[in-house]
C-alpha atoms as a PDB file:
ATOM      1  CA  MET A   1     124.105  93.655 106.999  1.00  0.00           C
ATOM      2  CA  ARG A   2     122.681  97.100 106.325  1.00  0.00           C
ATOM      3  CA  GLU A   3     125.074 100.033 106.681  1.00  0.00           C
ATOM      4  CA  ALA A   4     123.886 102.849 108.932  1.00  0.00           C
ATOM      5  CA  LEU A   5     124.131 106.399 107.609  1.00  0.00           C
ATOM      6  CA  PHE A   6     122.863 107.946 110.860  1.00  0.00           C
ATOM      7  CA  GLU A   7     122.996 106.406 114.327  1.00  0.00           C
ATOM      8  CA  VAL A   8     120.883 108.412 116.752  1.00  0.00           C
ATOM      9  CA  LYS A   9     121.201 107.541 120.446  1.00  0.00           C
ATOM     10  CA  ASN A  10     119.235 109.112 123.329  1.00  0.00           C
ATOM     11  CA  LEU A  11     118.713 112.307 121.338  1.00  0.00           C
ATOM     12  CA  LYS A  12     117.182 115.239 123.179  1.00  0.00           C
ATOM     13  CA  ARG A  13     116.239 118.655 121.893  1.00  0.00           C
ATOM     14  CA  TYR A  14     114.700 121.020 124.429  1.00  0.00           C
ATOM     15  CA  PHE A  15     113.596 124.617 123.838  1.00  0.00           C
ATOM     16  CA  PRO A  16     113.690 127.083 126.749  1.00  0.00           C
ATOM     17  CA  ALA A  17     110.293 128.336 127.888  1.00  0.00           C
ATOM     18  CA  LYS A  18     108.862 130.502 130.645  1.00  0.00           C
ATOM     19  CA  ASN A  19     109.378 129.940 134.360  1.00  0.00           C
ATOM     20  CA  GLY A  20     112.638 128.101 133.786  1.00  0.00           C
ATOM     21  CA  LYS A  21     110.910 125.161 132.123  1.00  0.00           C
ATOM     22  CA  SER A  22     111.722 123.615 128.766  1.00  0.00           C
ATOM     23  CA  VAL A  23     109.648 122.315 125.878  1.00  0.00           C
ATOM     24  CA  LYS A  24     110.832 118.728 125.445  1.00  0.00           C
ATOM     25  CA  ALA A  25     110.338 118.553 121.693  1.00  0.00           C
ATOM     26  CA  VAL A  26     112.569 115.481 121.262  1.00  0.00           C
ATOM     27  CA  ASP A  27     113.066 113.469 124.425  1.00  0.00           C
ATOM     28  CA  ASP A  28     115.467 110.503 124.529  1.00  0.00           C
ATOM     29  CA  VAL A  29     114.983 109.157 120.992  1.00  0.00           C
ATOM     30  CA  THR A  30     117.102 106.321 119.565  1.00  0.00           C
ATOM     31  CA  PHE A  31     117.038 104.971 115.995  1.00  0.00           C
ATOM     32  CA  ASP A  32     119.237 104.269 112.951  1.00  0.00           C
ATOM     33  CA  ILE A  33     118.770 105.334 109.341  1.00  0.00           C
ATOM     34  CA  PHE A  34     120.309 102.915 106.852  1.00  0.00           C
ATOM     35  CA  LYS A  35     121.822 103.911 103.517  1.00  0.00           C
ATOM     36  CA  GLY A  36     119.403 103.771 100.600  1.00  0.00           C
ATOM     37  CA  GLU A  37     116.238 103.386 102.670  1.00  0.00           C
ATOM     38  CA  THR A  38     113.214 105.563 103.338  1.00  0.00           C
ATOM     39  CA  PHE A  39     112.750 105.896 107.084  1.00  0.00           C
ATOM     40  CA  SER A  40     109.502 107.616 108.015  1.00  0.00           C
ATOM     41  CA  LEU A  41     108.392 109.391 111.169  1.00  0.00           C
ATOM     42  CA  VAL A  42     104.666 109.705 111.850  1.00  0.00           C
ATOM     43  CA  GLY A  43     102.559 111.018 114.708  1.00  0.00           C
ATOM     44  CA  GLU A  44     100.230 113.814 115.720  1.00  0.00           C
ATOM     45  CA  SER A  45     101.122 117.476 115.244  1.00  0.00           C
ATOM     46  CA  GLY A  46     103.658 118.634 117.817  1.00  0.00           C
ATOM     47  CA  CYS A  47     105.079 115.178 118.505  1.00  0.00           C
ATOM     48  CA  GLY A  48     108.619 116.220 117.480  1.00  0.00           C
ATOM     49  CA  LYS A  49     108.945 114.797 113.969  1.00  0.00           C
ATOM     50  CA  THR A  50     110.167 117.973 112.288  1.00  0.00           C
ATOM     51  CA  THR A  51     112.379 118.959 115.220  1.00  0.00           C
ATOM     52  CA  CYS A  52     114.013 115.547 115.049  1.00  0.00           C
ATOM     53  CA  GLY A  53     114.733 115.922 111.340  1.00  0.00           C
ATOM     54  CA  ARG A  54     116.131 119.435 111.705  1.00  0.00           C
ATOM     55  CA  THR A  55     118.326 118.369 114.615  1.00  0.00           C
ATOM     56  CA  LEU A  56     119.806 115.613 112.443  1.00  0.00           C
ATOM     57  CA  LEU A  57     120.786 118.234 109.868  1.00  0.00           C
ATOM     58  CA  GLY A  58     122.255 120.549 112.490  1.00  0.00           C
ATOM     59  CA  VAL A  59     119.621 123.243 111.997  1.00  0.00           C
ATOM     60  CA  TYR A  60     118.914 122.876 115.721  1.00  0.00           C
ATOM     61  CA  PRO A  61     121.775 121.989 118.084  1.00  0.00           C
ATOM     62  CA  LYS A  62     121.055 118.898 120.153  1.00  0.00           C
ATOM     63  CA  THR A  63     120.486 119.331 123.879  1.00  0.00           C
ATOM     64  CA  ASP A  64     121.887 115.898 124.717  1.00  0.00           C
ATOM     65  CA  GLY A  65     122.524 112.513 123.177  1.00  0.00           C
ATOM     66  CA  SER A  66     124.578 111.393 120.213  1.00  0.00           C
ATOM     67  CA  ILE A  67     124.237 111.699 116.425  1.00  0.00           C
ATOM     68  CA  LEU A  68     126.731 109.602 114.488  1.00  0.00           C
ATOM     69  CA  TYR A  69     127.023 110.284 110.767  1.00  0.00           C
ATOM     70  CA  GLU A  70     128.875 107.515 108.934  1.00  0.00           C
ATOM     71  CA  GLY A  71     130.250 106.453 112.313  1.00  0.00           C
ATOM     72  CA  ARG A  72     131.491 109.899 113.383  1.00  0.00           C
ATOM     73  CA  GLU A  73     130.000 112.238 115.970  1.00  0.00           C
ATOM     74  CA  LEU A  74     128.248 115.000 114.058  1.00  0.00           C
ATOM     75  CA  GLY A  75     129.170 117.820 116.407  1.00  0.00           C
ATOM     76  CA  LYS A  76     132.878 117.007 116.245  1.00  0.00           C
ATOM     77  CA  LEU A  77     133.424 117.174 112.478  1.00  0.00           C
ATOM     78  CA  PRO A  78     136.256 119.475 111.307  1.00  0.00           C
ATOM     79  CA  LYS A  79     135.145 122.676 109.564  1.00  0.00           C
ATOM     80  CA  ALA A  80     135.773 121.377 106.037  1.00  0.00           C
ATOM     81  CA  GLU A  81     133.901 118.136 106.703  1.00  0.00           C
ATOM     82  CA  ALA A  82     131.062 120.004 108.389  1.00  0.00           C
ATOM     83  CA  LYS A  83     130.618 122.059 105.207  1.00  0.00           C
ATOM     84  CA  ARG A  84     130.645 118.854 103.161  1.00  0.00           C
ATOM     85  CA  PHE A  85     128.016 117.410 105.516  1.00  0.00           C
ATOM     86  CA  LYS A  86     125.754 120.417 104.891  1.00  0.00           C
ATOM     87  CA  ARG A  87     126.037 119.875 101.140  1.00  0.00           C
ATOM     88  CA  ARG A  88     125.405 116.131 101.251  1.00  0.00           C
ATOM     89  CA  ASN A  89     122.382 116.397 103.556  1.00  0.00           C
ATOM     90  CA  GLN A  90     119.475 118.475 102.320  1.00  0.00           C
ATOM     91  CA  MET A  91     115.856 119.237 103.163  1.00  0.00           C
ATOM     92  CA  ILE A  92     112.584 119.522 101.252  1.00  0.00           C
ATOM     93  CA  PHE A  93     110.140 121.765 103.094  1.00  0.00           C
ATOM     94  CA  GLN A  94     106.414 121.479 103.677  1.00  0.00           C
ATOM     95  CA  ASP A  95     105.327 124.787 102.133  1.00  0.00           C
ATOM     96  CA  PRO A  96     106.664 124.959  98.565  1.00  0.00           C
ATOM     97  CA  TYR A  97     105.985 128.701  98.321  1.00  0.00           C
ATOM     98  CA  SER A  98     107.308 130.219 101.551  1.00  0.00           C
ATOM     99  CA  CYS A  99     110.654 128.412 101.155  1.00  0.00           C
ATOM    100  CA  LEU A 100     111.327 130.013  97.750  1.00  0.00           C
ATOM    101  CA  ASP A 101     112.534 133.619  97.542  1.00  0.00           C
ATOM    102  CA  PRO A 102     109.848 135.459  95.529  1.00  0.00           C
ATOM    103  CA  ARG A 103     112.415 137.967  94.219  1.00  0.00           C
ATOM    104  CA  MET A 104     114.639 135.318  92.621  1.00  0.00           C
ATOM    105  CA  THR A 105     114.109 133.416  89.406  1.00  0.00           C
ATOM    106  CA  ILE A 106     113.851 129.646  89.557  1.00  0.00           C
ATOM    107  CA  GLY A 107     117.260 129.319  87.910  1.00  0.00           C
ATOM    108  CA  ALA A 108     118.863 131.564  90.551  1.00  0.00           C
ATOM    109  CA  ILE A 109     117.152 129.627  93.361  1.00  0.00           C
ATOM    110  CA  ILE A 110     118.525 126.306  92.127  1.00  0.00           C
ATOM    111  CA  GLN A 111     121.977 127.795  91.510  1.00  0.00           C
ATOM    112  CA  GLU A 112     122.273 129.472  94.902  1.00  0.00           C
ATOM    113  CA  GLY A 113     123.761 126.442  96.636  1.00  0.00           C
ATOM    114  CA  MET A 114     126.025 125.642  93.704  1.00  0.00           C
ATOM    115  CA  ASN A 115     127.635 129.065  94.065  1.00  0.00           C
ATOM    116  CA  VAL A 116     128.646 128.191  97.616  1.00  0.00           C
ATOM    117  CA  HIS A 117     129.727 124.576  97.278  1.00  0.00           C
ATOM    118  CA  PHE A 118     130.981 124.130  93.706  1.00  0.00           C
ATOM    119  CA  LYS A 119     133.505 125.936  91.547  1.00  0.00           C
ATOM    120  CA  ARG A 120     131.705 125.914  88.226  1.00  0.00           C
ATOM    121  CA  SER A 121     131.419 128.372  85.379  1.00  0.00           C
ATOM    122  CA  SER A 122     128.181 130.196  84.647  1.00  0.00           C
ATOM    123  CA  GLU A 123     127.623 127.999  81.588  1.00  0.00           C
ATOM    124  CA  GLU A 124     128.115 124.809  83.619  1.00  0.00           C
ATOM    125  CA  ARG A 125     125.670 126.005  86.281  1.00  0.00           C
ATOM    126  CA  ASN A 126     123.059 126.876  83.666  1.00  0.00           C
ATOM    127  CA  GLN A 127     123.437 123.443  82.083  1.00  0.00           C
ATOM    128  CA  GLN A 128     123.067 121.835  85.501  1.00  0.00           C
ATOM    129  CA  VAL A 129     119.886 123.817  86.158  1.00  0.00           C
ATOM    130  CA  THR A 130     118.416 122.657  82.850  1.00  0.00           C
ATOM    131  CA  GLN A 131     119.278 119.026  83.623  1.00  0.00           C
ATOM    132  CA  LEU A 132     117.716 119.262  87.075  1.00  0.00           C
ATOM    133  CA  LEU A 133     114.529 120.819  85.718  1.00  0.00           C
ATOM    134  CA  TYR A 134     114.147 117.942  83.270  1.00  0.00           C
ATOM    135  CA  LYS A 135     114.927 115.458  86.036  1.00  0.00           C
ATOM    136  CA  VAL A 136     112.005 116.710  88.140  1.00  0.00           C
ATOM    137  CA  GLY A 137     109.612 116.759  85.188  1.00  0.00           C
ATOM    138  CA  LEU A 138     109.825 120.415  84.144  1.00  0.00           C
ATOM    139  CA  THR A 139     111.279 122.178  81.113  1.00  0.00           C
ATOM    140  CA  ALA A 140     114.210 124.559  80.659  1.00  0.00           C
ATOM    141  CA  ASP A 141     112.008 127.658  80.280  1.00  0.00           C
ATOM    142  CA  PHE A 142     111.041 127.402  83.961  1.00  0.00           C
ATOM    143  CA  ALA A 143     114.502 128.761  84.850  1.00  0.00           C
ATOM    144  CA  SER A 144     113.446 132.307  83.925  1.00  0.00           C
ATOM    145  CA  ARG A 145     110.167 132.237  85.844  1.00  0.00           C
ATOM    146  CA  PHE A 146     109.425 133.399  89.387  1.00  0.00           C
ATOM    147  CA  PRO A 147     107.808 131.292  92.157  1.00  0.00           C
ATOM    148  CA  HIS A 148     104.449 133.110  91.956  1.00  0.00           C
ATOM    149  CA  GLU A 149     104.105 132.001  88.321  1.00  0.00           C
ATOM    150  CA  LEU A 150     104.141 128.307  89.282  1.00  0.00           C
ATOM    151  CA  SER A 151     101.522 125.973  90.703  1.00  0.00           C
ATOM    152  CA  GLY A 152     101.991 124.288  94.077  1.00  0.00           C
ATOM    153  CA  GLY A 153     103.136 121.028  92.517  1.00  0.00           C
ATOM    154  CA  GLN A 154     105.606 122.831  90.256  1.00  0.00           C
ATOM    155  CA  ARG A 155     107.015 124.788  93.207  1.00  0.00           C
ATOM    156  CA  GLN A 156     107.549 121.575  95.162  1.00  0.00           C
ATOM    157  CA  ARG A 157     109.402 120.115  92.173  1.00  0.00           C
ATOM    158  CA  ILE A 158     111.646 123.190  92.304  1.00  0.00           C
ATOM    159  CA  GLY A 159     112.268 122.476  95.986  1.00  0.00           C
ATOM    160  CA  ILE A 160     113.312 118.952  95.041  1.00  0.00           C
ATOM    161  CA  ALA A 161     115.561 120.246  92.247  1.00  0.00           C
ATOM    162  CA  ARG A 162     117.204 122.714  94.643  1.00  0.00           C
ATOM    163  CA  ALA A 163     118.000 119.857  97.039  1.00  0.00           C
ATOM    164  CA  LEU A 164     119.328 117.661  94.214  1.00  0.00           C
ATOM    165  CA  ALA A 165     121.588 120.477  93.024  1.00  0.00           C
ATOM    166  CA  MET A 166     123.809 119.798  96.047  1.00  0.00           C
ATOM    167  CA  GLU A 167     124.348 116.186  94.913  1.00  0.00           C
ATOM    168  CA  PRO A 168     123.111 114.906  98.290  1.00  0.00           C
ATOM    169  CA  ASP A 169     123.148 111.456  99.858  1.00  0.00           C
ATOM    170  CA  PHE A 170     120.401 112.158 102.392  1.00  0.00           C
ATOM    171  CA  ILE A 171     117.253 114.289 102.247  1.00  0.00           C
ATOM    172  CA  VAL A 172     114.846 115.155 105.041  1.00  0.00           C
ATOM    173  CA  CYS A 173     111.405 115.340 103.430  1.00  0.00           C
ATOM    174  CA  ASP A 174     109.345 117.417 105.867  1.00  0.00           C
ATOM    175  CA  GLU A 175     105.731 116.728 104.884  1.00  0.00           C
ATOM    176  CA  PRO A 176     106.563 117.423 101.222  1.00  0.00           C
ATOM    177  CA  ILE A 177     103.040 116.687  99.965  1.00  0.00           C
ATOM    178  CA  ALA A 178     100.932 118.199 102.770  1.00  0.00           C
ATOM    179  CA  ALA A 179     100.347 121.508 100.963  1.00  0.00           C
ATOM    180  CA  LEU A 180      99.598 119.916  97.576  1.00  0.00           C
ATOM    181  CA  ASP A 181      96.331 118.930  95.928  1.00  0.00           C
ATOM    182  CA  VAL A 182      95.488 115.251  96.271  1.00  0.00           C
ATOM    183  CA  SER A 183      95.784 114.816  92.500  1.00  0.00           C
ATOM    184  CA  ILE A 184      99.390 116.074  92.625  1.00  0.00           C
ATOM    185  CA  GLN A 185     100.569 114.245  95.750  1.00  0.00           C
ATOM    186  CA  ALA A 186     101.028 110.849  94.091  1.00  0.00           C
ATOM    187  CA  GLN A 187     102.997 112.440  91.230  1.00  0.00           C
ATOM    188  CA  VAL A 188     105.465 114.068  93.623  1.00  0.00           C
ATOM    189  CA  VAL A 189     105.866 110.917  95.733  1.00  0.00           C
ATOM    190  CA  ASN A 190     106.428 108.746  92.656  1.00  0.00           C
ATOM    191  CA  LEU A 191     109.002 111.276  91.437  1.00  0.00           C
ATOM    192  CA  MET A 192     110.823 110.988  94.768  1.00  0.00           C
ATOM    193  CA  ILE A 193     110.803 107.190  94.558  1.00  0.00           C
ATOM    194  CA  ASP A 194     112.226 107.291  91.021  1.00  0.00           C
ATOM    195  CA  LEU A 195     114.953 109.748  92.051  1.00  0.00           C
ATOM    196  CA  GLN A 196     115.878 107.589  95.031  1.00  0.00           C
ATOM    197  CA  GLN A 197     116.329 104.543  92.857  1.00  0.00           C
ATOM    198  CA  GLU A 198     118.257 106.473  90.202  1.00  0.00           C
ATOM    199  CA  MET A 199     120.571 108.383  92.569  1.00  0.00           C
ATOM    200  CA  GLY A 200     120.835 106.050  95.557  1.00  0.00           C
ATOM    201  CA  LEU A 201     119.304 108.583  97.947  1.00  0.00           C
ATOM    202  CA  THR A 202     118.364 108.033 101.581  1.00  0.00           C
ATOM    203  CA  TYR A 203     115.197 109.704 102.864  1.00  0.00           C
ATOM    204  CA  LEU A 204     113.815 110.701 106.234  1.00  0.00           C
ATOM    205  CA  PHE A 205     110.146 111.095 105.311  1.00  0.00           C
ATOM    206  CA  ILE A 206     107.984 113.061 107.761  1.00  0.00           C
ATOM    207  CA  SER A 207     104.249 112.967 107.156  1.00  0.00           C
ATOM    208  CA  HIS A 208     100.718 112.793 108.559  1.00  0.00           C
ATOM    209  CA  ASP A 209      99.516 110.857 105.509  1.00  0.00           C
ATOM    210  CA  LEU A 210      99.667 107.293 106.830  1.00  0.00           C
ATOM    211  CA  SER A 211      98.568 105.735 103.535  1.00  0.00           C
ATOM    212  CA  MET A 212     101.356 107.500 101.644  1.00  0.00           C
ATOM    213  CA  VAL A 213     103.872 106.582 104.347  1.00  0.00           C
ATOM    214  CA  ARG A 214     102.971 102.924 103.866  1.00  0.00           C
ATOM    215  CA  HIS A 215     103.528 103.295 100.129  1.00  0.00           C
ATOM    216  CA  ILE A 216     106.948 104.933 100.262  1.00  0.00           C
ATOM    217  CA  SER A 217     108.577 103.621 103.466  1.00  0.00           C
ATOM    218  CA  ASP A 218     110.996 100.835 104.262  1.00  0.00           C
ATOM    219  CA  ARG A 219     110.718 101.416 108.019  1.00  0.00           C
ATOM    220  CA  VAL A 220     108.399 103.530 110.145  1.00  0.00           C
ATOM    221  CA  GLY A 221     108.868 105.172 113.538  1.00  0.00           C
ATOM    222  CA  VAL A 222     105.813 106.354 115.472  1.00  0.00           C
ATOM    223  CA  MET A 223     106.401 109.355 117.740  1.00  0.00           C
ATOM    224  CA  TYR A 224     104.285 110.549 120.647  1.00  0.00           C
ATOM    225  CA  LEU A 225     105.078 113.624 122.729  1.00  0.00           C
ATOM    226  CA  GLY A 226     108.744 113.703 121.694  1.00  0.00           C
ATOM    227  CA  ALA A 227     109.453 109.982 122.161  1.00  0.00           C
ATOM    228  CA  LEU A 228     109.378 106.907 119.944  1.00  0.00           C
ATOM    229  CA  ALA A 229     106.422 104.671 120.734  1.00  0.00           C
ATOM    230  CA  GLU A 230     107.095 102.041 118.072  1.00  0.00           C
ATOM    231  CA  LEU A 231     109.592 101.254 115.320  1.00  0.00           C
ATOM    232  CA  ALA A 232     109.483  98.500 112.702  1.00  0.00           C
ATOM    233  CA  ASP A 233     109.571  97.633 109.009  1.00  0.00           C
ATOM    234  CA  ALA A 234     106.606  99.236 107.252  1.00  0.00           C
ATOM    235  CA  SER A 235     104.977  95.913 106.434  1.00  0.00           C
ATOM    236  CA  LEU A 236     105.240  94.729 110.049  1.00  0.00           C
ATOM    237  CA  ILE A 237     104.000  97.865 111.752  1.00  0.00           C
ATOM    238  CA  TYR A 238     100.964  98.266 109.503  1.00  0.00           C
ATOM    239  CA  GLU A 239      99.950  94.602 109.660  1.00  0.00           C
ATOM    240  CA  LYS A 240     100.560  94.127 113.392  1.00  0.00           C
ATOM    241  CA  PRO A 241     101.004  97.312 115.447  1.00  0.00           C
ATOM    242  CA  LEU A 242     102.023  96.536 119.021  1.00  0.00           C
ATOM    243  CA  HIS A 243     101.693  99.861 120.842  1.00  0.00           C
ATOM    244  CA  PRO A 244      98.176 101.068 121.783  1.00  0.00           C
ATOM    245  CA  TYR A 245      98.915 104.518 120.347  1.00  0.00           C
ATOM    246  CA  THR A 246      99.996 103.027 117.018  1.00  0.00           C
ATOM    247  CA  LYS A 247      96.825 100.930 116.932  1.00  0.00           C
ATOM    248  CA  ALA A 248      94.701 104.027 117.524  1.00  0.00           C
ATOM    249  CA  LEU A 249      96.625 106.043 114.932  1.00  0.00           C
ATOM    250  CA  PHE A 250      96.364 103.393 112.231  1.00  0.00           C
ATOM    251  CA  SER A 251      92.702 102.670 112.970  1.00  0.00           C
ATOM    252  CA  ALA A 252      91.987 106.232 111.790  1.00  0.00           C
ATOM    253  CA  ILE A 253      93.257 105.492 108.253  1.00  0.00           C
ATOM    254  CA  PRO A 254      90.246 105.731 105.883  1.00  0.00           C
ATOM    255  CA  ASP A 255      89.347 102.320 104.493  1.00  0.00           C
ATOM    256  CA  ALA A 256      86.347 101.999 102.189  1.00  0.00           C
ATOM    257  CA  SER A 257      86.392  98.204 102.560  1.00  0.00           C
ATOM    258  CA  ARG A 258      86.107  98.336 106.359  1.00  0.00           C
ATOM    259  CA  ARG A 259      82.649  97.221 107.404  1.00  0.00           C
ATOM    260  CA  GLY A 260      80.985  99.250 110.086  1.00  0.00           C
ATOM    261  CA  GLY A 261      83.004 102.350 109.185  1.00  0.00           C
ATOM    262  CA  SER A 262      83.851 104.388 112.259  1.00  0.00           C
ATOM    263  CA  LYS A 263      82.621 101.661 114.631  1.00  0.00           C
ATOM    264  CA  ASN A 264      85.957  99.870 114.216  1.00  0.00           C
ATOM    265  CA  ARG A 265      88.005 102.910 115.139  1.00  0.00           C
ATOM    266  CA  MET A 266      89.915 103.016 118.411  1.00  0.00           C
ATOM    267  CA  ARG A 267      88.987 106.370 119.896  1.00  0.00           C
ATOM    268  CA  LEU A 268      91.356 108.126 122.283  1.00  0.00           C
ATOM    269  CA  GLN A 269      90.056 110.147 125.201  1.00  0.00           C
ATOM    270  CA  GLY A 270      91.555 113.365 126.518  1.00  0.00           C
ATOM    271  CA  GLU A 271      94.100 115.788 125.120  1.00  0.00           C
ATOM    272  CA  ILE A 272      97.827 115.423 124.442  1.00  0.00           C
ATOM    273  CA  PRO A 273      99.764 116.493 127.578  1.00  0.00           C
ATOM    274  CA  SER A 274     102.014 119.532 127.435  1.00  0.00           C
ATOM    275  CA  PRO A 275     105.601 118.851 126.275  1.00  0.00           C
ATOM    276  CA  MET A 276     106.678 121.275 129.019  1.00  0.00           C
ATOM    277  CA  ASP A 277     105.175 119.065 131.686  1.00  0.00           C
ATOM    278  CA  PRO A 278     104.859 115.492 130.388  1.00  0.00           C
ATOM    279  CA  PRO A 279     103.256 112.917 132.688  1.00  0.00           C
ATOM    280  CA  PRO A 280     105.451 110.529 134.690  1.00  0.00           C
ATOM    281  CA  GLY A 281     105.929 106.994 133.439  1.00  0.00           C
ATOM    282  CA  CYS A 282     104.581 106.299 129.975  1.00  0.00           C
ATOM    283  CA  LYS A 283     103.693 109.576 128.247  1.00  0.00           C
ATOM    284  CA  PHE A 284     100.690 107.929 126.633  1.00  0.00           C
ATOM    285  CA  SER A 285      99.253 106.545 129.891  1.00  0.00           C
ATOM    286  CA  PRO A 286      96.730 109.383 130.517  1.00  0.00           C
ATOM    287  CA  ARG A 287      95.015 108.542 127.204  1.00  0.00           C
ATOM    288  CA  CYS A 288      95.655 104.796 127.026  1.00  0.00           C
ATOM    289  CA  PRO A 289      92.588 102.589 127.638  1.00  0.00           C
ATOM    290  CA  TYR A 290      94.822  99.773 128.920  1.00  0.00           C
ATOM    291  CA  ALA A 291      97.035 101.778 131.319  1.00  0.00           C
ATOM    292  CA  GLN A 292      97.932 100.192 134.663  1.00  0.00           C
ATOM    293  CA  GLU A 293      99.792 101.476 137.696  1.00  0.00           C
ATOM    294  CA  ILE A 294     103.206 100.497 136.286  1.00  0.00           C
ATOM    295  CA  CYS A 295     102.470 102.608 133.199  1.00  0.00           C
ATOM    296  CA  ARG A 296     101.936 105.689 135.363  1.00  0.00           C
ATOM    297  CA  GLN A 297     105.133 105.170 137.352  1.00  0.00           C
ATOM    298  CA  GLN A 298     107.839 103.717 135.087  1.00  0.00           C
ATOM    299  CA  THR A 299     108.908 104.980 131.675  1.00  0.00           C
ATOM    300  CA  PRO A 300     108.869 102.000 129.274  1.00  0.00           C
ATOM    301  CA  ALA A 301     112.011 101.291 127.270  1.00  0.00           C
ATOM    302  CA  LEU A 302     111.892 100.812 123.504  1.00  0.00           C
ATOM    303  CA  ARG A 303     112.218  97.009 123.393  1.00  0.00           C
ATOM    304  CA  GLU A 304     112.588  94.541 120.526  1.00  0.00           C
ATOM    305  CA  LEU A 305     109.463  92.454 121.045  1.00  0.00           C
ATOM    306  CA  GLU A 306     109.703  90.652 117.711  1.00  0.00           C
ATOM    307  CA  PRO A 307     112.530  90.539 115.153  1.00  0.00           C
ATOM    308  CA  ARG A 308     113.119  94.153 113.990  1.00  0.00           C
ATOM    309  CA  HIS A 309     109.941  95.287 115.725  1.00  0.00           C
ATOM    310  CA  PHE A 310     110.366  97.619 118.712  1.00  0.00           C
ATOM    311  CA  ALA A 311     107.739  99.107 121.024  1.00  0.00           C
ATOM    312  CA  ALA A 312     107.843 101.182 124.206  1.00  0.00           C
ATOM    313  CA  CYS A 313     104.976  99.588 126.134  1.00  0.00           C
ATOM    314  CA  HIS A 314     104.920  97.643 129.406  1.00  0.00           C
ATOM    315  CA  LEU A 315     101.847  95.674 128.267  1.00  0.00           C
ATOM    316  CA  ALA A 316     102.706  95.038 124.622  1.00  0.00           C
ATOM    317  CA  GLU A 317     102.996  91.264 125.026  1.00  0.00           C
ATOM    318  CA  GLN A 318      99.616  91.054 126.749  1.00  0.00           C
ATOM    319  CA  LEU A 319      97.907  93.232 124.139  1.00  0.00           C
ATOM    320  CA  ALA A 320      99.426  91.537 121.071  1.00  0.00           C
END
């Protein structure tokens, strides 16, 4: 039996908008994240991936639903335990430059969290900074440099070191390779895999790069317009996607061996509906080539259609 670190049930995160409406960024999402795994969220821009990750960390308060952390409701933790939660759960951001203070040295950036959460001498903190720099593939002299003196890949390694400085158990990786050159992306991802194995970390990996997600993930959740469309082990969901949206998303992955090239792609018609006014029934129904009347009237539940393979589709069995 795998032990759940996070248990998310019917999570909602709405943002107030004009005319009394709300942007339903995360709308009734349920999933677990197990200790030691990499759980990935994929989907088009604006589908709620980042909002979901930030709500887990408490950056955004939830609108409704439940977030259990190690079996305890996150919003009900005592003050001391809430501070411990913030230390043990960190985030790596998408833009490795804008998340680093340009006026601070790299050493000061990495030490900033230590000053809040640990009672250590200046010498101990400096030693820890040096160890972390080596751990992420840099050298001790980087501690005296400023962010503008580093390349994009080096800055992202600093972001990883800053997260590791808190001795975390869980890290939300919010598109950590999106702003990096292709030649650097694999290096950073392989570094993250090595650190996970060495330190027993749990990741929530958010990305548009479906090929990289397949490489790093244990399980994958596919989001569409704030809701989970499909959830399964990475091997299952890539080999046999069950939801029409997942099939369309994965058919867009470049594959040099695919004969016919773009002819084999499943093209979607229309635009993504507004999260302020989502369509009734299945949110994907206006763009789904297989949609029937039931799809436009009833919201499909996320069902286990095969062992450890869930999909929110009324027609999944017929389309399999």
